[in-house]
């Protein structure tokens, strides 16, 4: 089973990680670096 891709996008409260095709963010972070790290972990 393949997991959906993750995207790091700007958010009004920092940076958000969204699943591909999702309308809502799965989590919001203060820094882009934190969001990228989380997104990579979730994409595995």
PDB file of N, CA and C in Angstrom:
ATOM      1  N   UNK A   1       0.844  -1.182   0.000  1.00  0.00           N
ATOM      2  CA  UNK A   1       0.000   0.000   0.000  1.00  0.00           C
ATOM      3  C   UNK A   1       0.887   1.241   0.000  1.00  0.00           C
ATOM      4  N   UNK A   2       0.614   2.154  -0.903  1.00  0.00           N
ATOM      5  CA  UNK A   2       1.399   3.384  -0.975  1.00  0.00           C
ATOM      6  C   UNK A   2       0.749   4.461  -0.119  1.00  0.00           C
ATOM      7  N   UNK A   3       1.590   5.219   0.586  1.00  0.00           N
ATOM      8  CA  UNK A   3       1.050   6.328   1.369  1.00  0.00           C
ATOM      9  C   UNK A   3       0.905   7.546   0.469  1.00  0.00           C
ATOM     10  N   UNK A   4       0.037   8.447   0.860  1.00  0.00           N
ATOM     11  CA  UNK A   4      -0.148   9.675   0.097  1.00  0.00           C
ATOM     12  C   UNK A   4       1.061  10.572   0.277  1.00  0.00           C
ATOM     13  N   UNK A   5       1.345  11.386  -0.729  1.00  0.00           N
ATOM     14  CA  UNK A   5       2.437  12.331  -0.637  1.00  0.00           C
ATOM     15  C   UNK A   5       2.129  13.407   0.384  1.00  0.00           C
ATOM     16  N   UNK A   6       3.162  13.975   0.939  1.00  0.00           N
ATOM     17  CA  UNK A   6       3.023  15.045   1.923  1.00  0.00           C
ATOM     18  C   UNK A   6       3.554  16.334   1.312  1.00  0.00           C
ATOM     19  N   UNK A   7       2.907  17.443   1.632  1.00  0.00           N
ATOM     20  CA  UNK A   7       3.308  18.748   1.127  1.00  0.00           C
ATOM     21  C   UNK A   7       3.463  19.709   2.292  1.00  0.00           C
ATOM     22  N   UNK A   8       4.546  20.485   2.265  1.00  0.00           N
ATOM     23  CA  UNK A   8       4.760  21.534   3.264  1.00  0.00           C
ATOM     24  C   UNK A   8       4.351  22.845   2.607  1.00  0.00           C
ATOM     25  N   UNK A   9       3.382  23.521   3.217  1.00  0.00           N
ATOM     26  CA  UNK A   9       2.829  24.741   2.627  1.00  0.00           C
ATOM     27  C   UNK A   9       2.763  25.860   3.660  1.00  0.00           C
ATOM     28  N   UNK A  10       2.870  27.113   3.205  1.00  0.00           N
ATOM     29  CA  UNK A  10       2.730  28.234   4.151  1.00  0.00           C
ATOM     30  C   UNK A  10       1.339  28.228   4.779  1.00  0.00           C
ATOM     31  N   UNK A  11       1.274  28.648   6.028  1.00  0.00           N
ATOM     32  CA  UNK A  11       0.022  28.665   6.788  1.00  0.00           C
ATOM     33  C   UNK A  11       0.000  29.954   7.595  1.00  0.00           C
ATOM     34  N   UNK A  12      -1.173  30.450   7.920  1.00  0.00           N
ATOM     35  CA  UNK A  12      -1.278  31.707   8.670  1.00  0.00           C
ATOM     36  C   UNK A  12      -0.580  31.646  10.024  1.00  0.00           C
ATOM     37  N   UNK A  13      -0.399  30.440  10.562  1.00  0.00           N
ATOM     38  CA  UNK A  13       0.256  30.285  11.865  1.00  0.00           C
ATOM     39  C   UNK A  13       1.650  29.686  11.750  1.00  0.00           C
ATOM     40  N   UNK A  14       2.207  29.611  10.538  1.00  0.00           N
ATOM     41  CA  UNK A  14       3.554  29.069  10.338  1.00  0.00           C
ATOM     42  C   UNK A  14       3.612  28.242   9.067  1.00  0.00           C
ATOM     43  N   UNK A  15       3.949  26.958   9.222  1.00  0.00           N
ATOM     44  CA  UNK A  15       4.050  26.042   8.089  1.00  0.00           C
ATOM     45  C   UNK A  15       3.206  24.808   8.368  1.00  0.00           C
ATOM     46  N   UNK A  16       2.467  24.362   7.363  1.00  0.00           N
ATOM     47  CA  UNK A  16       1.572  23.223   7.528  1.00  0.00           C
ATOM     48  C   UNK A  16       2.040  22.039   6.694  1.00  0.00           C
ATOM     49  N   UNK A  17       1.754  20.848   7.186  1.00  0.00           N
ATOM     50  CA  UNK A  17       1.975  19.616   6.434  1.00  0.00           C
ATOM     51  C   UNK A  17       0.600  19.096   6.037  1.00  0.00           C
ATOM     52  N   UNK A  18       0.412  18.919   4.729  1.00  0.00           N
ATOM     53  CA  UNK A  18      -0.864  18.428   4.217  1.00  0.00           C
ATOM     54  C   UNK A  18      -0.626  17.152   3.433  1.00  0.00           C
ATOM     55  N   UNK A  19      -1.574  16.229   3.521  1.00  0.00           N
ATOM     56  CA  UNK A  19      -1.535  15.035   2.688  1.00  0.00           C
ATOM     57  C   UNK A  19      -2.005  15.413   1.295  1.00  0.00           C
ATOM     58  N   UNK A  20      -1.466  14.745   0.312  1.00  0.00           N
ATOM     59  CA  UNK A  20      -1.849  14.998  -1.066  1.00  0.00           C
ATOM     60  C   UNK A  20      -3.353  14.820  -1.227  1.00  0.00           C
ATOM     61  N   UNK A  21      -4.021  15.809  -1.789  1.00  0.00           N
ATOM     62  CA  UNK A  21      -5.461  15.753  -2.012  1.00  0.00           C
ATOM     63  C   UNK A  21      -6.308  16.202  -0.834  1.00  0.00           C
ATOM     64  N   UNK A  22      -5.678  16.491   0.302  1.00  0.00           N
ATOM     65  CA  UNK A  22      -6.427  16.911   1.495  1.00  0.00           C
ATOM     66  C   UNK A  22      -6.692  18.408   1.460  1.00  0.00           C
ATOM     67  N   UNK A  23      -7.802  18.817   2.043  1.00  0.00           N
ATOM     68  CA  UNK A  23      -8.103  20.248   2.103  1.00  0.00           C
ATOM     69  C   UNK A  23      -7.620  20.868   3.410  1.00  0.00           C
ATOM     70  N   UNK A  24      -7.421  20.028   4.439  1.00  0.00           N
ATOM     71  CA  UNK A  24      -6.979  20.531   5.747  1.00  0.00           C
ATOM     72  C   UNK A  24      -5.572  20.039   6.057  1.00  0.00           C
ATOM     73  N   UNK A  25      -4.859  20.836   6.822  1.00  0.00           N
ATOM     74  CA  UNK A  25      -3.514  20.460   7.238  1.00  0.00           C
ATOM     75  C   UNK A  25      -3.571  19.372   8.297  1.00  0.00           C
ATOM     76  N   UNK A  26      -2.615  18.453   8.246  1.00  0.00           N
ATOM     77  CA  UNK A  26      -2.552  17.417   9.276  1.00  0.00           C
ATOM     78  C   UNK A  26      -1.876  17.947  10.529  1.00  0.00           C
ATOM     79  N   UNK A  27      -0.998  18.938  10.361  1.00  0.00           N
ATOM     80  CA  UNK A  27      -0.316  19.539  11.512  1.00  0.00           C
ATOM     81  C   UNK A  27       0.320  20.859  11.083  1.00  0.00           C
ATOM     82  N   UNK A  28       0.447  21.804  12.026  1.00  0.00           N
ATOM     83  CA  UNK A  28       1.035  23.116  11.754  1.00  0.00           C
ATOM     84  C   UNK A  28       2.243  23.310  12.666  1.00  0.00           C
ATOM     85  N   UNK A  29       3.317  23.855  12.103  1.00  0.00           N
ATOM     86  CA  UNK A  29       4.568  24.076  12.832  1.00  0.00           C
ATOM     87  C   UNK A  29       4.984  25.532  12.737  1.00  0.00           C
ATOM     88  N   UNK A  30       5.797  25.963  13.694  1.00  0.00           N
ATOM     89  CA  UNK A  30       6.302  27.334  13.682  1.00  0.00           C
ATOM     90  C   UNK A  30       7.340  27.539  12.590  1.00  0.00           C
ATOM     91  N   UNK A  31       8.174  26.515  12.332  1.00  0.00           N
ATOM     92  CA  UNK A  31       9.237  26.673  11.343  1.00  0.00           C
ATOM     93  C   UNK A  31       9.063  25.702  10.182  1.00  0.00           C
ATOM     94  N   UNK A  32       9.581  26.109   9.045  1.00  0.00           N
ATOM     95  CA  UNK A  32       9.529  25.263   7.860  1.00  0.00           C
ATOM     96  C   UNK A  32      10.370  24.003   8.079  1.00  0.00           C
ATOM     97  N   UNK A  33      11.481  24.144   8.762  1.00  0.00           N
ATOM     98  CA  UNK A  33      12.368  23.010   9.024  1.00  0.00           C
ATOM     99  C   UNK A  33      11.647  21.907   9.813  1.00  0.00           C
ATOM    100  N   UNK A  34      10.887  22.306  10.838  1.00  0.00           N
ATOM    101  CA  UNK A  34      10.125  21.333  11.631  1.00  0.00           C
ATOM    102  C   UNK A  34       9.071  20.634  10.770  1.00  0.00           C
ATOM    103  N   UNK A  35       8.403  21.411   9.920  1.00  0.00           N
ATOM    104  CA  UNK A  35       7.363  20.853   9.059  1.00  0.00           C
ATOM    105  C   UNK A  35       7.953  19.855   8.068  1.00  0.00           C
ATOM    106  N   UNK A  36       9.099  20.181   7.491  1.00  0.00           N
ATOM    107  CA  UNK A  36       9.748  19.277   6.539  1.00  0.00           C
ATOM    108  C   UNK A  36      10.156  17.982   7.225  1.00  0.00           C
ATOM    109  N   UNK A  37      10.725  18.096   8.410  1.00  0.00           N
ATOM    110  CA  UNK A  37      11.147  16.912   9.158  1.00  0.00           C
ATOM    111  C   UNK A  37       9.954  15.994   9.440  1.00  0.00           C
ATOM    112  N   UNK A  38       8.857  16.572   9.904  1.00  0.00           N
ATOM    113  CA  UNK A  38       7.644  15.797  10.196  1.00  0.00           C
ATOM    114  C   UNK A  38       7.090  15.167   8.911  1.00  0.00           C
ATOM    115  N   UNK A  39       7.036  15.945   7.847  1.00  0.00           N
ATOM    116  CA  UNK A  39       6.506  15.445   6.579  1.00  0.00           C
ATOM    117  C   UNK A  39       7.301  14.271   6.045  1.00  0.00           C
ATOM    118  N   UNK A  40       8.611  14.336   6.169  1.00  0.00           N
ATOM    119  CA  UNK A  40       9.456  13.225   5.713  1.00  0.00           C
ATOM    120  C   UNK A  40       9.196  11.968   6.534  1.00  0.00           C
ATOM    121  N   UNK A  41       9.056  12.117   7.841  1.00  0.00           N
ATOM    122  CA  UNK A  41       8.777  10.963   8.701  1.00  0.00           C
ATOM    123  C   UNK A  41       7.440  10.319   8.330  1.00  0.00           C
ATOM    124  N   UNK A  42       6.439  11.143   8.055  1.00  0.00           N
ATOM    125  CA  UNK A  42       5.105  10.629   7.744  1.00  0.00           C
ATOM    126  C   UNK A  42       5.032  10.008   6.351  1.00  0.00           C
ATOM    127  N   UNK A  43       5.905  10.420   5.450  1.00  0.00           N
ATOM    128  CA  UNK A  43       5.868   9.928   4.078  1.00  0.00           C
ATOM    129  C   UNK A  43       6.468   8.529   3.947  1.00  0.00           C
ATOM    130  N   UNK A  44       7.185   8.094   4.960  1.00  0.00           N
ATOM    131  CA  UNK A  44       7.844   6.774   4.896  1.00  0.00           C
ATOM    132  C   UNK A  44       6.847   5.673   5.190  1.00  0.00           C
TER     133      UNK A  44
END
